Amino acid sequence: MGLIENINVQTTGTWLTLKDLEDPELARLALQLPSTVLKSRADSSAKKYLGAFQRWHYWASTHNLPVFPAKEQHIALYLQSIANRLESKSAAEEAVNAINWAHTLAGLESPANATFVQATLQGIRRSCCKPVRKKKPVTVDMLADMVENMNSHPTLANMRITTLSLLAFSGLMRSFTLGLVMSLLLREWPNSRSHVARLINSGKEVKY
């Protein structure tokens, strides 16, 4: 059974006008339309929409609500149900897209585009959105503290971390940056010239 038949859109909308065509040639063309219309979306998208529509179908049937054509107030209730159960804006968006898709296939105006439904969806997006917690930016003072806090006999591992931090902050291996970094390291750790050379020469970025 095709995807269009699975959601019963051929019993409504534009498809009704094609159901009882008497002209054999027109009837044959009408039979080809379902597969053609489905190609308006990639197979993966069509299958995803079908799955989402079937979940809507199950929920609406469970509550004795009309499945298709759907009503905007019922879609809004369904979206609220998704938000309560899954706390997922993507699941709510997928449900709206699937219901839109099904109505488009039938040649009907989608109730999922109604202002009330879109307002519900926007509210779910906001309520499910986790606040962004920005990291504190690295400052020159922080880098200076890293250098100053190194003991008089730094390990290669500690030097590597400090050097990479300085490079990331100042521009990633630009020639003048390398000179500044080496000068700083050699000034703070005068006995570590060989370690600094090993550290800088081992970096892949030096090749470019």
N, C-alpha and C. Protein backbone atom coordinates (compact mmCIF):
# COMPACT_ATOMS: atom_id res chain seq x y z
N MET A 1 0.85 -1.20 0.00
CA MET A 1 0.00 0.00 0.00
C MET A 1 0.88 1.24 0.00
N GLY A 2 0.60 2.25 -0.86
CA GLY A 2 1.43 3.43 -0.95
C GLY A 2 1.27 4.35 0.24
N LEU A 3 2.19 5.30 0.32
CA LEU A 3 2.16 6.23 1.45
C LEU A 3 0.90 7.08 1.45
N ILE A 4 0.47 7.50 0.25
CA ILE A 4 -0.73 8.33 0.18
C ILE A 4 -1.95 7.56 0.67
N GLU A 5 -2.03 6.28 0.27
CA GLU A 5 -3.16 5.47 0.73
C GLU A 5 -3.11 5.28 2.24
N ASN A 6 -1.90 5.21 2.80
CA ASN A 6 -1.74 4.99 4.23
C ASN A 6 -2.35 6.11 5.07
N ILE A 7 -2.37 7.33 4.54
CA ILE A 7 -2.93 8.42 5.33
C ILE A 7 -4.30 8.86 4.79
N ASN A 8 -4.82 8.09 3.81
CA ASN A 8 -6.18 8.29 3.33
C ASN A 8 -6.47 9.67 2.76
N VAL A 9 -5.46 10.31 2.17
CA VAL A 9 -5.73 11.62 1.61
C VAL A 9 -6.50 11.53 0.30
N GLN A 10 -6.54 10.35 -0.31
CA GLN A 10 -7.25 10.22 -1.58
C GLN A 10 -8.77 10.23 -1.42
N THR A 11 -9.24 10.29 -0.21
CA THR A 11 -10.69 10.33 0.03
C THR A 11 -11.18 11.76 0.22
N THR A 12 -10.28 12.73 0.12
CA THR A 12 -10.66 14.12 0.37
C THR A 12 -9.99 15.04 -0.64
N GLY A 13 -10.40 16.30 -0.59
CA GLY A 13 -9.73 17.34 -1.35
C GLY A 13 -9.72 17.09 -2.85
N THR A 14 -8.61 17.46 -3.46
CA THR A 14 -8.45 17.38 -4.91
C THR A 14 -8.62 15.97 -5.43
N TRP A 15 -8.25 14.97 -4.64
CA TRP A 15 -8.31 13.59 -5.11
C TRP A 15 -9.73 13.14 -5.42
N LEU A 16 -10.72 13.72 -4.75
CA LEU A 16 -12.12 13.34 -5.01
C LEU A 16 -12.53 13.67 -6.43
N THR A 17 -11.96 14.75 -6.96
CA THR A 17 -12.33 15.14 -8.33
C THR A 17 -11.72 14.22 -9.37
N LEU A 18 -10.76 13.41 -8.95
CA LEU A 18 -10.09 12.49 -9.88
C LEU A 18 -10.57 11.05 -9.73
N LYS A 19 -11.45 10.84 -8.79
CA LYS A 19 -11.83 9.46 -8.45
C LYS A 19 -12.69 8.79 -9.51
N ASP A 20 -13.62 9.52 -10.10
CA ASP A 20 -14.60 8.90 -11.01
C ASP A 20 -14.48 9.41 -12.43
N LEU A 21 -13.25 9.53 -12.90
CA LEU A 21 -13.05 9.98 -14.27
C LEU A 21 -13.51 8.89 -15.26
N GLU A 22 -14.26 9.27 -16.25
CA GLU A 22 -14.77 8.30 -17.22
C GLU A 22 -13.81 8.09 -18.39
N ASP A 23 -13.06 9.09 -18.72
CA ASP A 23 -12.11 8.98 -19.82
C ASP A 23 -10.99 8.02 -19.42
N PRO A 24 -10.76 6.94 -20.16
CA PRO A 24 -9.74 5.94 -19.79
C PRO A 24 -8.34 6.54 -19.68
N GLU A 25 -8.00 7.44 -20.59
CA GLU A 25 -6.67 8.04 -20.57
C GLU A 25 -6.48 8.90 -19.31
N LEU A 26 -7.50 9.69 -18.97
CA LEU A 26 -7.43 10.52 -17.77
C LEU A 26 -7.38 9.66 -16.51
N ALA A 27 -8.13 8.57 -16.50
CA ALA A 27 -8.14 7.67 -15.35
C ALA A 27 -6.75 7.05 -15.16
N ARG A 28 -6.11 6.71 -16.28
CA ARG A 28 -4.77 6.12 -16.20
C ARG A 28 -3.77 7.14 -15.65
N LEU A 29 -3.88 8.36 -16.08
CA LEU A 29 -3.00 9.42 -15.59
C LEU A 29 -3.23 9.69 -14.10
N ALA A 30 -4.49 9.63 -13.71
CA ALA A 30 -4.83 9.86 -12.30
C ALA A 30 -4.20 8.80 -11.40
N LEU A 31 -4.11 7.58 -11.91
CA LEU A 31 -3.49 6.50 -11.13
C LEU A 31 -1.99 6.73 -10.93
N GLN A 32 -1.39 7.46 -11.86
CA GLN A 32 0.04 7.74 -11.75
C GLN A 32 0.36 8.91 -10.83
N LEU A 33 -0.64 9.73 -10.55
CA LEU A 33 -0.40 10.94 -9.77
C LEU A 33 0.13 10.70 -8.35
N PRO A 34 -0.39 9.70 -7.60
CA PRO A 34 0.11 9.53 -6.23
C PRO A 34 1.62 9.40 -6.13
N SER A 35 2.21 8.53 -6.96
CA SER A 35 3.66 8.35 -6.90
C SER A 35 4.39 9.60 -7.35
N THR A 36 3.82 10.33 -8.30
CA THR A 36 4.45 11.57 -8.76
C THR A 36 4.44 12.63 -7.67
N VAL A 37 3.30 12.77 -7.01
CA VAL A 37 3.19 13.77 -5.94
C VAL A 37 4.15 13.46 -4.80
N LEU A 38 4.31 12.18 -4.48
CA LEU A 38 5.23 11.79 -3.40
C LEU A 38 6.67 12.18 -3.70
N LYS A 39 7.00 12.26 -4.97
CA LYS A 39 8.37 12.61 -5.35
C LYS A 39 8.69 14.08 -5.09
N SER A 40 7.69 14.83 -4.65
CA SER A 40 7.95 16.22 -4.28
C SER A 40 8.83 16.30 -3.04
N ARG A 41 8.96 15.20 -2.34
CA ARG A 41 9.85 15.09 -1.19
C ARG A 41 10.75 13.88 -1.37
N ALA A 42 11.93 13.94 -0.79
CA ALA A 42 12.83 12.78 -0.83
C ALA A 42 12.17 11.62 -0.10
N ASP A 43 12.55 10.39 -0.48
CA ASP A 43 11.96 9.20 0.14
C ASP A 43 12.12 9.22 1.66
N SER A 44 13.30 9.65 2.12
CA SER A 44 13.55 9.67 3.57
C SER A 44 12.62 10.66 4.26
N SER A 45 12.38 11.81 3.62
CA SER A 45 11.48 12.81 4.19
C SER A 45 10.05 12.31 4.21
N ALA A 46 9.63 11.66 3.11
CA ALA A 46 8.26 11.14 3.04
C ALA A 46 8.02 10.09 4.12
N LYS A 47 8.99 9.22 4.34
CA LYS A 47 8.84 8.18 5.37
C LYS A 47 8.81 8.80 6.77
N LYS A 48 9.63 9.84 6.96
CA LYS A 48 9.64 10.52 8.26
C LYS A 48 8.30 11.20 8.52
N TYR A 49 7.75 11.87 7.50
CA TYR A 49 6.46 12.52 7.65
C TYR A 49 5.35 11.51 7.88
N LEU A 50 5.44 10.37 7.19
CA LEU A 50 4.43 9.34 7.38
C LEU A 50 4.44 8.84 8.82
N GLY A 51 5.62 8.58 9.36
CA GLY A 51 5.72 8.13 10.75
C GLY A 51 5.15 9.14 11.72
N ALA A 52 5.47 10.42 11.49
CA ALA A 52 4.95 11.48 12.37
C ALA A 52 3.44 11.61 12.23
N PHE A 53 2.94 11.46 11.00
CA PHE A 53 1.49 11.55 10.80
C PHE A 53 0.77 10.37 11.47
N GLN A 54 1.36 9.20 11.40
CA GLN A 54 0.75 8.04 12.03
C GLN A 54 0.71 8.19 13.55
N ARG A 55 1.71 8.87 14.12
CA ARG A 55 1.67 9.14 15.57
C ARG A 55 0.53 10.10 15.90
N TRP A 56 0.34 11.10 15.02
CA TRP A 56 -0.80 12.00 15.19
C TRP A 56 -2.11 11.22 15.05
N HIS A 57 -2.16 10.32 14.08
CA HIS A 57 -3.34 9.50 13.83
C HIS A 57 -3.70 8.69 15.08
N TYR A 58 -2.70 8.09 15.70
CA TYR A 58 -2.94 7.27 16.89
C TYR A 58 -3.44 8.13 18.05
N TRP A 59 -2.81 9.28 18.25
CA TRP A 59 -3.19 10.15 19.37
C TRP A 59 -4.60 10.67 19.18
N ALA A 60 -4.90 11.16 17.97
CA ALA A 60 -6.24 11.71 17.72
C ALA A 60 -7.31 10.63 17.84
N SER A 61 -7.04 9.45 17.34
CA SER A 61 -8.00 8.35 17.41
C SER A 61 -8.24 7.94 18.86
N THR A 62 -7.18 7.94 19.65
CA THR A 62 -7.30 7.58 21.07
C THR A 62 -8.26 8.53 21.79
N HIS A 63 -8.27 9.79 21.37
CA HIS A 63 -9.12 10.80 22.03
C HIS A 63 -10.38 11.10 21.23
N ASN A 64 -10.70 10.22 20.27
CA ASN A 64 -11.93 10.36 19.48
C ASN A 64 -12.01 11.71 18.77
N LEU A 65 -10.89 12.14 18.20
CA LEU A 65 -10.84 13.40 17.46
C LEU A 65 -10.69 13.10 15.96
N PRO A 66 -11.18 13.98 15.12
CA PRO A 66 -11.02 13.78 13.67
C PRO A 66 -9.55 13.83 13.30
N VAL A 67 -9.11 12.84 12.54
CA VAL A 67 -7.71 12.74 12.17
C VAL A 67 -7.40 13.58 10.94
N PHE A 68 -8.26 13.46 9.92
CA PHE A 68 -7.99 14.12 8.66
C PHE A 68 -9.30 14.41 7.92
N PRO A 69 -9.54 15.63 7.52
CA PRO A 69 -8.73 16.82 7.81
C PRO A 69 -8.71 17.13 9.31
N ALA A 70 -7.59 17.65 9.76
CA ALA A 70 -7.43 17.95 11.18
C ALA A 70 -7.98 19.34 11.49
N LYS A 71 -8.19 19.58 12.77
CA LYS A 71 -8.64 20.89 13.22
C LYS A 71 -7.54 21.55 14.05
N GLU A 72 -7.41 22.86 13.89
CA GLU A 72 -6.28 23.56 14.50
C GLU A 72 -6.24 23.42 16.01
N GLN A 73 -7.38 23.45 16.68
CA GLN A 73 -7.37 23.35 18.14
C GLN A 73 -6.88 21.98 18.60
N HIS A 74 -7.19 20.95 17.80
CA HIS A 74 -6.76 19.61 18.16
C HIS A 74 -5.25 19.44 17.91
N ILE A 75 -4.76 20.07 16.86
CA ILE A 75 -3.33 20.03 16.60
C ILE A 75 -2.57 20.72 17.72
N ALA A 76 -3.10 21.85 18.18
CA ALA A 76 -2.45 22.56 19.29
C ALA A 76 -2.42 21.69 20.55
N LEU A 77 -3.51 20.99 20.83
CA LEU A 77 -3.53 20.09 21.98
C LEU A 77 -2.50 18.97 21.81
N TYR A 78 -2.37 18.47 20.61
CA TYR A 78 -1.39 17.40 20.35
C TYR A 78 0.04 17.90 20.56
N LEU A 79 0.30 19.12 20.10
CA LEU A 79 1.63 19.69 20.31
C LEU A 79 1.93 19.87 21.79
N GLN A 80 0.91 20.28 22.54
CA GLN A 80 1.11 20.42 23.99
C GLN A 80 1.40 19.07 24.62
N SER A 81 0.74 18.04 24.13
CA SER A 81 0.98 16.69 24.63
C SER A 81 2.42 16.26 24.35
N ILE A 82 2.91 16.57 23.14
CA ILE A 82 4.29 16.24 22.80
C ILE A 82 5.26 16.98 23.72
N ALA A 83 4.99 18.25 23.94
CA ALA A 83 5.87 19.04 24.80
C ALA A 83 5.90 18.49 26.22
N ASN A 84 4.75 18.06 26.72
CA ASN A 84 4.68 17.53 28.08
C ASN A 84 5.40 16.20 28.21
N ARG A 85 5.27 15.35 27.19
CA ARG A 85 5.85 14.00 27.26
C ARG A 85 7.33 13.97 26.91
N LEU A 86 7.69 14.70 25.87
CA LEU A 86 9.04 14.57 25.32
C LEU A 86 9.94 15.77 25.59
N GLU A 87 9.32 16.91 25.90
CA GLU A 87 10.08 18.15 26.07
C GLU A 87 11.00 18.37 24.88
N SER A 88 10.44 18.19 23.69
CA SER A 88 11.23 18.24 22.47
C SER A 88 10.58 19.17 21.45
N LYS A 89 11.28 20.25 21.11
CA LYS A 89 10.74 21.14 20.06
C LYS A 89 10.83 20.49 18.69
N SER A 90 11.83 19.64 18.47
CA SER A 90 11.98 19.00 17.16
C SER A 90 10.83 18.04 16.89
N ALA A 91 10.36 17.32 17.92
CA ALA A 91 9.22 16.41 17.74
C ALA A 91 7.95 17.20 17.41
N ALA A 92 7.78 18.35 18.04
CA ALA A 92 6.62 19.19 17.75
C ALA A 92 6.69 19.74 16.33
N GLU A 93 7.88 20.18 15.93
CA GLU A 93 8.05 20.69 14.57
C GLU A 93 7.81 19.60 13.54
N GLU A 94 8.26 18.40 13.82
CA GLU A 94 8.05 17.29 12.90
C GLU A 94 6.57 16.97 12.75
N ALA A 95 5.83 17.05 13.86
CA ALA A 95 4.39 16.80 13.81
C ALA A 95 3.69 17.83 12.93
N VAL A 96 4.04 19.10 13.09
CA VAL A 96 3.44 20.16 12.28
C VAL A 96 3.78 19.96 10.80
N ASN A 97 5.03 19.63 10.52
CA ASN A 97 5.44 19.42 9.12
C ASN A 97 4.71 18.24 8.50
N ALA A 98 4.51 17.19 9.27
CA ALA A 98 3.83 16.00 8.76
C ALA A 98 2.36 16.29 8.47
N ILE A 99 1.71 17.00 9.36
CA ILE A 99 0.29 17.34 9.15
C ILE A 99 0.15 18.29 7.96
N ASN A 100 1.07 19.23 7.85
CA ASN A 100 1.09 20.11 6.68
C ASN A 100 1.23 19.31 5.39
N TRP A 101 2.17 18.38 5.42
CA TRP A 101 2.46 17.55 4.25
C TRP A 101 1.23 16.76 3.81
N ALA A 102 0.54 16.14 4.77
CA ALA A 102 -0.63 15.33 4.45
C ALA A 102 -1.72 16.18 3.82
N HIS A 103 -1.94 17.37 4.36
CA HIS A 103 -2.99 18.23 3.80
C HIS A 103 -2.59 18.76 2.42
N THR A 104 -1.30 19.02 2.24
CA THR A 104 -0.82 19.46 0.93
C THR A 104 -1.05 18.38 -0.12
N LEU A 105 -0.79 17.13 0.25
CA LEU A 105 -1.02 16.02 -0.68
C LEU A 105 -2.47 15.93 -1.10
N ALA A 106 -3.36 16.31 -0.20
CA ALA A 106 -4.79 16.24 -0.51
C ALA A 106 -5.29 17.50 -1.21
N GLY A 107 -4.41 18.49 -1.37
CA GLY A 107 -4.84 19.73 -2.00
C GLY A 107 -5.67 20.58 -1.07
N LEU A 108 -5.48 20.41 0.24
CA LEU A 108 -6.24 21.16 1.23
C LEU A 108 -5.36 22.19 1.94
N GLU A 109 -5.98 23.25 2.39
CA GLU A 109 -5.27 24.22 3.22
C GLU A 109 -5.00 23.59 4.57
N SER A 110 -3.77 23.68 5.04
CA SER A 110 -3.41 22.99 6.28
C SER A 110 -3.78 23.80 7.52
N PRO A 111 -4.52 23.19 8.45
CA PRO A 111 -4.82 23.88 9.71
C PRO A 111 -3.58 24.05 10.58
N ALA A 112 -2.50 23.32 10.26
CA ALA A 112 -1.27 23.45 11.04
C ALA A 112 -0.59 24.79 10.79
N ASN A 113 -1.00 25.49 9.73
CA ASN A 113 -0.46 26.82 9.45
C ASN A 113 -1.24 27.92 10.15
N ALA A 114 -2.30 27.55 10.83
CA ALA A 114 -3.13 28.55 11.52
C ALA A 114 -2.31 29.29 12.58
N THR A 115 -2.69 30.53 12.82
CA THR A 115 -1.96 31.36 13.79
C THR A 115 -1.92 30.71 15.16
N PHE A 116 -3.03 30.09 15.56
CA PHE A 116 -3.11 29.47 16.89
C PHE A 116 -2.11 28.33 17.02
N VAL A 117 -2.00 27.52 15.98
CA VAL A 117 -1.06 26.39 16.00
C VAL A 117 0.37 26.91 15.98
N GLN A 118 0.65 27.89 15.15
CA GLN A 118 2.00 28.43 15.06
C GLN A 118 2.43 29.11 16.37
N ALA A 119 1.48 29.75 17.04
CA ALA A 119 1.79 30.36 18.34
C ALA A 119 2.11 29.28 19.37
N THR A 120 1.38 28.18 19.32
CA THR A 120 1.65 27.06 20.22
C THR A 120 3.04 26.48 19.96
N LEU A 121 3.36 26.32 18.69
CA LEU A 121 4.67 25.79 18.32
C LEU A 121 5.79 26.72 18.77
N GLN A 122 5.59 28.01 18.59
CA GLN A 122 6.61 28.98 19.00
C GLN A 122 6.81 28.96 20.51
N GLY A 123 5.71 28.81 21.24
CA GLY A 123 5.82 28.71 22.69
C GLY A 123 6.59 27.48 23.12
N ILE A 124 6.38 26.36 22.42
CA ILE A 124 7.11 25.13 22.73
C ILE A 124 8.59 25.30 22.43
N ARG A 125 8.90 25.96 21.33
CA ARG A 125 10.30 26.22 20.99
C ARG A 125 11.00 26.99 22.09
N ARG A 126 10.31 27.99 22.61
CA ARG A 126 10.91 28.81 23.65
C ARG A 126 11.03 28.06 24.98
N SER A 127 9.99 27.30 25.32
CA SER A 127 10.00 26.61 26.60
C SER A 127 10.99 25.44 26.62
N CYS A 128 11.23 24.85 25.44
CA CYS A 128 12.16 23.72 25.37
C CYS A 128 13.59 24.15 25.10
N CYS A 129 13.78 25.43 24.87
CA CYS A 129 15.12 25.92 24.55
C CYS A 129 15.92 26.12 25.84
N LYS A 130 17.04 25.46 25.92
CA LYS A 130 17.90 25.60 27.10
C LYS A 130 18.68 26.91 27.01
N PRO A 131 18.77 27.63 28.13
CA PRO A 131 19.51 28.90 28.10
C PRO A 131 20.98 28.68 27.76
N VAL A 132 21.49 29.59 26.95
CA VAL A 132 22.90 29.50 26.56
C VAL A 132 23.76 30.11 27.66
N ARG A 133 24.69 29.33 28.13
CA ARG A 133 25.61 29.82 29.15
C ARG A 133 26.97 30.05 28.51
N LYS A 134 27.26 31.29 28.28
CA LYS A 134 28.50 31.64 27.61
C LYS A 134 29.69 31.47 28.56
N LYS A 135 30.75 30.92 28.01
CA LYS A 135 31.98 30.80 28.77
C LYS A 135 32.63 32.17 28.90
N LYS A 136 33.32 32.36 30.01
CA LYS A 136 34.05 33.60 30.18
C LYS A 136 35.21 33.65 29.19
N PRO A 137 35.38 34.77 28.52
CA PRO A 137 36.47 34.85 27.54
C PRO A 137 37.84 34.82 28.23
N VAL A 138 38.80 34.28 27.50
CA VAL A 138 40.17 34.27 28.00
C VAL A 138 40.74 35.67 27.86
N THR A 139 41.41 36.14 28.88
CA THR A 139 42.00 37.47 28.85
C THR A 139 43.51 37.39 28.91
N VAL A 140 44.14 38.51 28.62
CA VAL A 140 45.60 38.58 28.68
C VAL A 140 46.08 38.30 30.11
N ASP A 141 45.34 38.80 31.07
CA ASP A 141 45.73 38.57 32.47
C ASP A 141 45.72 37.09 32.82
N MET A 142 44.74 36.36 32.30
CA MET A 142 44.68 34.92 32.57
C MET A 142 45.91 34.21 32.00
N LEU A 143 46.28 34.60 30.78
CA LEU A 143 47.45 33.97 30.16
C LEU A 143 48.73 34.33 30.90
N ALA A 144 48.80 35.58 31.34
CA ALA A 144 49.97 36.00 32.11
C ALA A 144 50.07 35.21 33.41
N ASP A 145 48.93 34.97 34.03
CA ASP A 145 48.93 34.18 35.28
C ASP A 145 49.39 32.75 35.02
N MET A 146 49.01 32.19 33.85
CA MET A 146 49.44 30.82 33.53
C MET A 146 50.96 30.75 33.45
N VAL A 147 51.54 31.78 32.83
CA VAL A 147 53.00 31.79 32.70
C VAL A 147 53.67 31.99 34.05
N GLU A 148 53.14 32.94 34.82
CA GLU A 148 53.75 33.27 36.10
C GLU A 148 53.61 32.14 37.12
N ASN A 149 52.54 31.35 36.98
CA ASN A 149 52.31 30.28 37.94
C ASN A 149 53.14 29.04 37.67
N MET A 150 53.79 29.00 36.52
CA MET A 150 54.67 27.87 36.25
C MET A 150 55.86 27.93 37.21
N ASN A 151 56.27 26.79 37.69
CA ASN A 151 57.42 26.79 38.59
C ASN A 151 58.72 26.95 37.81
N SER A 152 59.81 27.01 38.50
CA SER A 152 61.10 27.27 37.85
C SER A 152 61.60 26.10 37.02
N HIS A 153 61.01 24.92 37.17
CA HIS A 153 61.39 23.75 36.38
C HIS A 153 60.13 23.16 35.72
N PRO A 154 59.64 23.83 34.70
CA PRO A 154 58.38 23.39 34.08
C PRO A 154 58.54 22.06 33.36
N THR A 155 57.49 21.29 33.37
CA THR A 155 57.48 20.04 32.61
C THR A 155 57.08 20.34 31.17
N LEU A 156 57.42 19.44 30.29
CA LEU A 156 57.07 19.63 28.88
C LEU A 156 55.54 19.67 28.70
N ALA A 157 54.82 18.87 29.48
CA ALA A 157 53.36 18.84 29.37
C ALA A 157 52.76 20.19 29.75
N ASN A 158 53.24 20.77 30.85
CA ASN A 158 52.73 22.06 31.29
C ASN A 158 53.09 23.16 30.29
N MET A 159 54.32 23.07 29.77
CA MET A 159 54.73 24.06 28.77
C MET A 159 53.86 23.96 27.52
N ARG A 160 53.51 22.74 27.15
CA ARG A 160 52.68 22.54 25.96
C ARG A 160 51.32 23.22 26.13
N ILE A 161 50.68 22.99 27.28
CA ILE A 161 49.38 23.59 27.53
C ILE A 161 49.46 25.11 27.49
N THR A 162 50.47 25.65 28.16
CA THR A 162 50.62 27.10 28.20
C THR A 162 50.88 27.68 26.82
N THR A 163 51.75 27.02 26.07
CA THR A 163 52.08 27.51 24.74
C THR A 163 50.87 27.46 23.81
N LEU A 164 50.13 26.36 23.84
CA LEU A 164 48.96 26.25 22.99
C LEU A 164 47.92 27.30 23.33
N SER A 165 47.77 27.59 24.60
CA SER A 165 46.82 28.63 25.03
C SER A 165 47.23 29.98 24.48
N LEU A 166 48.54 30.27 24.54
CA LEU A 166 49.02 31.54 24.01
C LEU A 166 48.83 31.64 22.50
N LEU A 167 49.10 30.53 21.81
CA LEU A 167 48.95 30.53 20.36
C LEU A 167 47.49 30.68 19.94
N ALA A 168 46.59 29.95 20.62
CA ALA A 168 45.17 30.05 20.29
C ALA A 168 44.65 31.45 20.51
N PHE A 169 45.16 32.10 21.55
CA PHE A 169 44.69 33.44 21.87
C PHE A 169 45.18 34.47 20.85
N SER A 170 46.39 34.32 20.38
CA SER A 170 47.01 35.40 19.62
C SER A 170 47.05 35.18 18.11
N GLY A 171 46.57 34.04 17.61
CA GLY A 171 46.45 33.96 16.17
C GLY A 171 46.95 32.72 15.49
N LEU A 172 47.22 31.65 16.22
CA LEU A 172 47.56 30.35 15.64
C LEU A 172 48.74 30.40 14.68
N MET A 173 49.95 30.40 15.27
CA MET A 173 51.18 30.16 14.52
C MET A 173 51.53 31.20 13.47
N ARG A 174 51.10 32.44 13.65
CA ARG A 174 51.62 33.47 12.77
C ARG A 174 53.07 33.73 13.16
N SER A 175 53.87 34.14 12.23
CA SER A 175 55.31 34.18 12.47
C SER A 175 55.69 35.08 13.64
N PHE A 176 55.07 36.26 13.73
CA PHE A 176 55.44 37.14 14.82
C PHE A 176 54.97 36.58 16.16
N THR A 177 53.87 35.78 16.12
CA THR A 177 53.38 35.17 17.35
C THR A 177 54.38 34.16 17.88
N LEU A 178 54.95 33.36 16.99
CA LEU A 178 55.94 32.38 17.41
C LEU A 178 57.12 33.07 18.09
N GLY A 179 57.54 34.18 17.51
CA GLY A 179 58.66 34.90 18.11
C GLY A 179 58.33 35.40 19.49
N LEU A 180 57.10 35.94 19.65
CA LEU A 180 56.70 36.45 20.95
C LEU A 180 56.60 35.33 21.97
N VAL A 181 55.99 34.20 21.56
CA VAL A 181 55.83 33.09 22.47
C VAL A 181 57.19 32.55 22.93
N MET A 182 58.08 32.35 21.97
CA MET A 182 59.39 31.82 22.34
C MET A 182 60.14 32.78 23.24
N SER A 183 60.03 34.08 22.93
CA SER A 183 60.71 35.06 23.77
C SER A 183 60.18 35.03 25.20
N LEU A 184 58.84 34.93 25.30
CA LEU A 184 58.21 34.90 26.62
C LEU A 184 58.61 33.65 27.39
N LEU A 185 58.56 32.51 26.70
CA LEU A 185 58.90 31.25 27.38
C LEU A 185 60.36 31.23 27.81
N LEU A 186 61.24 31.68 26.93
CA LEU A 186 62.66 31.64 27.25
C LEU A 186 63.02 32.66 28.33
N ARG A 187 62.26 33.74 28.38
CA ARG A 187 62.51 34.72 29.44
C ARG A 187 62.09 34.18 30.79
N GLU A 188 60.93 33.49 30.81
CA GLU A 188 60.42 32.97 32.08
C GLU A 188 61.16 31.70 32.49
N TRP A 189 61.55 30.89 31.49
CA TRP A 189 62.22 29.63 31.80
C TRP A 189 63.52 29.53 31.01
N PRO A 190 64.53 30.25 31.41
CA PRO A 190 65.77 30.35 30.61
C PRO A 190 66.47 29.02 30.40
N ASN A 191 66.19 28.04 31.23
CA ASN A 191 66.87 26.75 31.09
C ASN A 191 66.08 25.76 30.24
N SER A 192 65.04 26.23 29.57
CA SER A 192 64.16 25.30 28.87
C SER A 192 64.21 25.47 27.36
N ARG A 193 65.34 25.99 26.81
CA ARG A 193 65.43 26.24 25.38
C ARG A 193 65.17 24.99 24.55
N SER A 194 65.73 23.87 24.95
CA SER A 194 65.54 22.65 24.17
C SER A 194 64.10 22.18 24.21
N HIS A 195 63.44 22.35 25.36
CA HIS A 195 62.04 21.96 25.48
C HIS A 195 61.16 22.82 24.57
N VAL A 196 61.43 24.12 24.52
CA VAL A 196 60.64 25.00 23.68
C VAL A 196 60.82 24.63 22.21
N ALA A 197 62.05 24.35 21.81
CA ALA A 197 62.30 23.97 20.43
C ALA A 197 61.55 22.69 20.07
N ARG A 198 61.57 21.71 20.95
CA ARG A 198 60.84 20.47 20.70
C ARG A 198 59.35 20.73 20.58
N LEU A 199 58.85 21.58 21.45
CA LEU A 199 57.42 21.87 21.47
C LEU A 199 56.96 22.55 20.19
N ILE A 200 57.69 23.59 19.76
CA ILE A 200 57.30 24.35 18.58
C ILE A 200 57.46 23.52 17.32
N ASN A 201 58.58 22.82 17.21
CA ASN A 201 58.86 22.05 16.00
C ASN A 201 57.92 20.86 15.82
N SER A 202 57.31 20.38 16.91
CA SER A 202 56.42 19.22 16.80
C SER A 202 55.03 19.60 16.32
N GLY A 203 54.72 20.90 16.26
CA GLY A 203 53.37 21.33 15.86
C GLY A 203 53.16 21.20 14.36
N LYS A 204 52.00 20.67 13.96
CA LYS A 204 51.69 20.49 12.54
C LYS A 204 51.58 21.84 11.84
N GLU A 205 51.11 22.87 12.55
CA GLU A 205 50.86 24.14 11.91
C GLU A 205 52.15 24.80 11.42
N VAL A 206 53.30 24.40 11.99
CA VAL A 206 54.56 25.01 11.60
C VAL A 206 54.86 24.74 10.12
N LYS A 207 54.31 23.68 9.56
CA LYS A 207 54.58 23.30 8.18
C LYS A 207 53.92 24.25 7.18
N TYR A 208 52.97 25.05 7.64
CA TYR A 208 52.20 25.85 6.69
C TYR A 208 52.58 27.32 6.75
